[in-house]
């Protein structure tokens, strides 16, 4: 079993209707990853995750079972780990938006209207994978160098990064 350090992120499966919805959305963008959700370990046995009710901090034992950790796959300094954990904690309460899924899907097909992209970016809402990408970006760690805009990240994108 991998022992996470503060700043590591985890990828999980979600059961039930929510997992089916996320899985269907990922399938629509050609993302057949076996994960649906991501969260950031902030230390002390706690994780921060984006949820439809807003980003929350919860005990790790209350989170979905982990399929994969980023531990050892995304090199981080102690300072970067501290910033990631702090920034994740600062995002607790950040609203969630299902519109972000649509925006990411349209970006995948290169048909996203600029007005939608700008609107989604201006709201500050985040789905789980966007939260992970954002806190890493705030720590100076760019997870993707493929030209995508910040936040155009699915759990499957994170999966491919660490598998």
C-alpha atoms as a PDB file:
ATOM      1  CA  UNK A   1       0.000   0.000   0.000  1.00  0.00           C
ATOM      2  CA  UNK A   2       1.261   3.460  -0.898  1.00  0.00           C
ATOM      3  CA  UNK A   3       1.642   5.867   1.985  1.00  0.00           C
ATOM      4  CA  UNK A   4       0.823   9.350   0.700  1.00  0.00           C
ATOM      5  CA  UNK A   5       2.640  12.515   1.648  1.00  0.00           C
ATOM      6  CA  UNK A   6       0.961  15.912   1.828  1.00  0.00           C
ATOM      7  CA  UNK A   7       0.509  17.165  -1.730  1.00  0.00           C
ATOM      8  CA  UNK A   8       0.018  13.746  -3.316  1.00  0.00           C
ATOM      9  CA  UNK A   9      -3.249  13.237  -5.182  1.00  0.00           C
ATOM     10  CA  UNK A  10      -5.355  10.107  -5.393  1.00  0.00           C
ATOM     11  CA  UNK A  11      -7.630   8.715  -8.064  1.00  0.00           C
ATOM     12  CA  UNK A  12     -10.734   6.723  -7.199  1.00  0.00           C
ATOM     13  CA  UNK A  13     -13.820   5.093  -8.649  1.00  0.00           C
ATOM     14  CA  UNK A  14     -17.247   6.330  -7.697  1.00  0.00           C
ATOM     15  CA  UNK A  15     -20.058   3.851  -7.357  1.00  0.00           C
ATOM     16  CA  UNK A  16     -23.693   4.428  -8.156  1.00  0.00           C
ATOM     17  CA  UNK A  17     -25.368   7.049 -10.326  1.00  0.00           C
ATOM     18  CA  UNK A  18     -22.692   9.703  -9.823  1.00  0.00           C
ATOM     19  CA  UNK A  19     -19.975   7.301 -10.962  1.00  0.00           C
ATOM     20  CA  UNK A  20     -22.049   6.266 -13.974  1.00  0.00           C
ATOM     21  CA  UNK A  21     -22.589   9.921 -14.894  1.00  0.00           C
ATOM     22  CA  UNK A  22     -18.890  10.769 -14.654  1.00  0.00           C
ATOM     23  CA  UNK A  23     -17.944   7.590 -16.503  1.00  0.00           C
ATOM     24  CA  UNK A  24     -20.391   8.421 -19.313  1.00  0.00           C
ATOM     25  CA  UNK A  25     -18.993  11.948 -19.544  1.00  0.00           C
ATOM     26  CA  UNK A  26     -15.460  10.625 -19.749  1.00  0.00           C
ATOM     27  CA  UNK A  27     -16.516   8.121 -22.414  1.00  0.00           C
ATOM     28  CA  UNK A  28     -17.992  10.983 -24.473  1.00  0.00           C
ATOM     29  CA  UNK A  29     -14.569  12.625 -24.626  1.00  0.00           C
ATOM     30  CA  UNK A  30     -12.822   9.372 -25.489  1.00  0.00           C
ATOM     31  CA  UNK A  31     -11.499   8.933 -21.966  1.00  0.00           C
ATOM     32  CA  UNK A  32     -11.818   5.287 -20.999  1.00  0.00           C
ATOM     33  CA  UNK A  33      -9.915   5.608 -17.722  1.00  0.00           C
ATOM     34  CA  UNK A  34     -10.925   3.324 -14.836  1.00  0.00           C
ATOM     35  CA  UNK A  35     -11.210   6.278 -12.422  1.00  0.00           C
ATOM     36  CA  UNK A  36     -13.883   8.919 -11.840  1.00  0.00           C
ATOM     37  CA  UNK A  37     -12.663  11.134  -9.011  1.00  0.00           C
ATOM     38  CA  UNK A  38      -9.544  12.788  -7.606  1.00  0.00           C
ATOM     39  CA  UNK A  39      -8.581  14.355  -4.302  1.00  0.00           C
ATOM     40  CA  UNK A  40      -5.498  15.856  -2.636  1.00  0.00           C
ATOM     41  CA  UNK A  41      -3.949  14.528   0.551  1.00  0.00           C
ATOM     42  CA  UNK A  42      -3.245  17.509   2.833  1.00  0.00           C
ATOM     43  CA  UNK A  43      -1.684  15.624   5.738  1.00  0.00           C
ATOM     44  CA  UNK A  44      -2.845  14.635   9.186  1.00  0.00           C
ATOM     45  CA  UNK A  45      -5.138  11.995   7.721  1.00  0.00           C
ATOM     46  CA  UNK A  46      -7.226  14.489   5.689  1.00  0.00           C
ATOM     47  CA  UNK A  47      -8.009  15.018   2.020  1.00  0.00           C
ATOM     48  CA  UNK A  48      -9.585  17.885   0.099  1.00  0.00           C
ATOM     49  CA  UNK A  49     -11.989  17.002  -2.665  1.00  0.00           C
ATOM     50  CA  UNK A  50     -14.376  18.883  -4.933  1.00  0.00           C
ATOM     51  CA  UNK A  51     -17.954  17.741  -4.485  1.00  0.00           C
ATOM     52  CA  UNK A  52     -21.308  18.952  -5.849  1.00  0.00           C
ATOM     53  CA  UNK A  53     -21.955  20.583  -2.455  1.00  0.00           C
ATOM     54  CA  UNK A  54     -18.601  22.409  -2.672  1.00  0.00           C
ATOM     55  CA  UNK A  55     -14.995  21.447  -1.957  1.00  0.00           C
ATOM     56  CA  UNK A  56     -14.619  19.787   1.420  1.00  0.00           C
ATOM     57  CA  UNK A  57     -11.971  18.494   3.772  1.00  0.00           C
ATOM     58  CA  UNK A  58     -12.661  15.025   5.142  1.00  0.00           C
ATOM     59  CA  UNK A  59     -10.796  12.225   6.900  1.00  0.00           C
ATOM     60  CA  UNK A  60      -9.076   9.986   4.369  1.00  0.00           C
ATOM     61  CA  UNK A  61     -10.973   6.963   5.685  1.00  0.00           C
ATOM     62  CA  UNK A  62     -14.231   8.635   4.588  1.00  0.00           C
ATOM     63  CA  UNK A  63     -13.007   9.104   1.000  1.00  0.00           C
ATOM     64  CA  UNK A  64     -13.652   6.684  -1.867  1.00  0.00           C
ATOM     65  CA  UNK A  65     -11.192   3.772  -2.017  1.00  0.00           C
ATOM     66  CA  UNK A  66      -8.005   4.776  -3.812  1.00  0.00           C
ATOM     67  CA  UNK A  67      -7.171   3.157  -7.149  1.00  0.00           C
ATOM     68  CA  UNK A  68      -3.865   5.018  -7.621  1.00  0.00           C
ATOM     69  CA  UNK A  69      -1.733   7.647  -5.881  1.00  0.00           C
ATOM     70  CA  UNK A  70       0.546  10.176  -7.540  1.00  0.00           C
ATOM     71  CA  UNK A  71       3.184   9.363  -4.905  1.00  0.00           C
ATOM     72  CA  UNK A  72       6.530   8.719  -6.549  1.00  0.00           C
ATOM     73  CA  UNK A  73       5.169   9.555 -10.005  1.00  0.00           C
ATOM     74  CA  UNK A  74       5.009  13.349  -9.774  1.00  0.00           C
ATOM     75  CA  UNK A  75       8.237  14.652  -8.235  1.00  0.00           C
ATOM     76  CA  UNK A  76       7.631  17.347  -5.625  1.00  0.00           C
ATOM     77  CA  UNK A  77       9.882  19.297  -3.291  1.00  0.00           C
ATOM     78  CA  UNK A  78       8.969  19.728   0.370  1.00  0.00           C
ATOM     79  CA  UNK A  79       8.068  23.355  -0.336  1.00  0.00           C
ATOM     80  CA  UNK A  80       5.800  22.392  -3.239  1.00  0.00           C
ATOM     81  CA  UNK A  81       4.078  19.793  -1.067  1.00  0.00           C
ATOM     82  CA  UNK A  82       3.452  22.410   1.615  1.00  0.00           C
ATOM     83  CA  UNK A  83       2.002  24.880  -0.913  1.00  0.00           C
ATOM     84  CA  UNK A  84      -0.207  22.209  -2.538  1.00  0.00           C
ATOM     85  CA  UNK A  85      -1.635  21.164   0.837  1.00  0.00           C
ATOM     86  CA  UNK A  86      -2.162  24.773   1.920  1.00  0.00           C
ATOM     87  CA  UNK A  87      -3.786  25.814  -1.358  1.00  0.00           C
ATOM     88  CA  UNK A  88      -6.052  22.762  -1.354  1.00  0.00           C
ATOM     89  CA  UNK A  89      -7.185  23.660   2.148  1.00  0.00           C
ATOM     90  CA  UNK A  90      -7.767  27.260   1.019  1.00  0.00           C
ATOM     91  CA  UNK A  91     -10.129  25.961  -1.684  1.00  0.00           C
ATOM     92  CA  UNK A  92     -12.500  24.305   0.794  1.00  0.00           C
ATOM     93  CA  UNK A  93     -15.957  25.694   0.020  1.00  0.00           C
ATOM     94  CA  UNK A  94     -15.194  26.326  -3.662  1.00  0.00           C
ATOM     95  CA  UNK A  95     -18.381  25.705  -5.655  1.00  0.00           C
ATOM     96  CA  UNK A  96     -18.727  22.839  -8.116  1.00  0.00           C
ATOM     97  CA  UNK A  97     -20.268  23.036 -11.575  1.00  0.00           C
ATOM     98  CA  UNK A  98     -21.433  20.327 -13.926  1.00  0.00           C
ATOM     99  CA  UNK A  99     -21.067  22.926 -16.708  1.00  0.00           C
ATOM    100  CA  UNK A 100     -17.300  22.435 -16.371  1.00  0.00           C
ATOM    101  CA  UNK A 101     -17.725  18.855 -17.629  1.00  0.00           C
ATOM    102  CA  UNK A 102     -19.503  20.151 -20.747  1.00  0.00           C
ATOM    103  CA  UNK A 103     -16.816  22.762 -21.290  1.00  0.00           C
ATOM    104  CA  UNK A 104     -14.023  20.177 -21.053  1.00  0.00           C
ATOM    105  CA  UNK A 105     -15.890  17.847 -23.443  1.00  0.00           C
ATOM    106  CA  UNK A 106     -16.387  20.627 -25.990  1.00  0.00           C
ATOM    107  CA  UNK A 107     -12.705  21.581 -25.675  1.00  0.00           C
ATOM    108  CA  UNK A 108     -11.799  17.966 -26.404  1.00  0.00           C
ATOM    109  CA  UNK A 109     -13.758  18.137 -29.661  1.00  0.00           C
ATOM    110  CA  UNK A 110     -12.362  21.625 -30.378  1.00  0.00           C
ATOM    111  CA  UNK A 111     -15.836  23.146 -30.623  1.00  0.00           C
ATOM    112  CA  UNK A 112     -15.997  25.021 -27.335  1.00  0.00           C
ATOM    113  CA  UNK A 113     -17.225  28.579 -27.841  1.00  0.00           C
ATOM    114  CA  UNK A 114     -14.893  31.181 -26.363  1.00  0.00           C
ATOM    115  CA  UNK A 115     -17.809  32.678 -24.416  1.00  0.00           C
ATOM    116  CA  UNK A 116     -18.350  29.317 -22.642  1.00  0.00           C
ATOM    117  CA  UNK A 117     -14.640  28.911 -21.933  1.00  0.00           C
ATOM    118  CA  UNK A 118     -14.424  32.437 -20.510  1.00  0.00           C
ATOM    119  CA  UNK A 119     -17.611  32.043 -18.475  1.00  0.00           C
ATOM    120  CA  UNK A 120     -16.495  28.748 -16.919  1.00  0.00           C
ATOM    121  CA  UNK A 121     -13.067  30.216 -16.115  1.00  0.00           C
ATOM    122  CA  UNK A 122     -14.645  33.306 -14.522  1.00  0.00           C
ATOM    123  CA  UNK A 123     -16.909  31.397 -12.113  1.00  0.00           C
ATOM    124  CA  UNK A 124     -14.111  29.886 -10.046  1.00  0.00           C
ATOM    125  CA  UNK A 125     -16.056  26.615  -9.834  1.00  0.00           C
ATOM    126  CA  UNK A 126     -14.026  23.414  -9.921  1.00  0.00           C
ATOM    127  CA  UNK A 127     -14.605  19.738 -10.442  1.00  0.00           C
ATOM    128  CA  UNK A 128     -12.247  17.329  -8.688  1.00  0.00           C
ATOM    129  CA  UNK A 129      -9.579  17.085 -11.386  1.00  0.00           C
ATOM    130  CA  UNK A 130      -9.588  20.863 -11.869  1.00  0.00           C
ATOM    131  CA  UNK A 131      -8.947  21.308  -8.141  1.00  0.00           C
ATOM    132  CA  UNK A 132      -5.933  18.994  -8.340  1.00  0.00           C
ATOM    133  CA  UNK A 133      -4.587  20.790 -11.423  1.00  0.00           C
ATOM    134  CA  UNK A 134      -5.132  24.208  -9.813  1.00  0.00           C
ATOM    135  CA  UNK A 135      -3.334  23.507  -6.532  1.00  0.00           C
ATOM    136  CA  UNK A 136      -0.376  22.026  -8.379  1.00  0.00           C
ATOM    137  CA  UNK A 137      -0.290  25.074 -10.653  1.00  0.00           C
ATOM    138  CA  UNK A 138      -0.307  27.362  -7.596  1.00  0.00           C
ATOM    139  CA  UNK A 139       2.733  25.450  -6.306  1.00  0.00           C
ATOM    140  CA  UNK A 140       4.534  25.988  -9.615  1.00  0.00           C
ATOM    141  CA  UNK A 141       4.019  22.421 -10.826  1.00  0.00           C
ATOM    142  CA  UNK A 142       2.513  22.146 -14.301  1.00  0.00           C
ATOM    143  CA  UNK A 143       1.084  18.671 -14.664  1.00  0.00           C
ATOM    144  CA  UNK A 144       0.447  18.983 -18.405  1.00  0.00           C
ATOM    145  CA  UNK A 145       2.643  20.544 -21.066  1.00  0.00           C
ATOM    146  CA  UNK A 146       0.452  19.701 -24.057  1.00  0.00           C
ATOM    147  CA  UNK A 147      -0.946  23.200 -24.632  1.00  0.00           C
ATOM    148  CA  UNK A 148      -4.254  22.671 -22.848  1.00  0.00           C
ATOM    149  CA  UNK A 149      -5.724  25.535 -20.867  1.00  0.00           C
ATOM    150  CA  UNK A 150      -5.481  25.296 -17.082  1.00  0.00           C
ATOM    151  CA  UNK A 151      -8.448  23.368 -15.756  1.00  0.00           C
ATOM    152  CA  UNK A 152      -9.121  21.379 -18.935  1.00  0.00           C
ATOM    153  CA  UNK A 153      -8.384  18.219 -16.970  1.00  0.00           C
ATOM    154  CA  UNK A 154     -10.401  15.077 -16.325  1.00  0.00           C
ATOM    155  CA  UNK A 155      -9.708  12.367 -13.759  1.00  0.00           C
ATOM    156  CA  UNK A 156      -8.664  10.246 -16.739  1.00  0.00           C
ATOM    157  CA  UNK A 157      -6.016  12.793 -17.706  1.00  0.00           C
ATOM    158  CA  UNK A 158      -4.586  12.530 -14.189  1.00  0.00           C
ATOM    159  CA  UNK A 159      -4.784   8.731 -14.449  1.00  0.00           C
ATOM    160  CA  UNK A 160      -2.670   8.687 -17.603  1.00  0.00           C
ATOM    161  CA  UNK A 161      -0.157  10.925 -15.855  1.00  0.00           C
ATOM    162  CA  UNK A 162       0.441   8.474 -12.996  1.00  0.00           C
ATOM    163  CA  UNK A 163      -0.272   5.013 -14.431  1.00  0.00           C
END
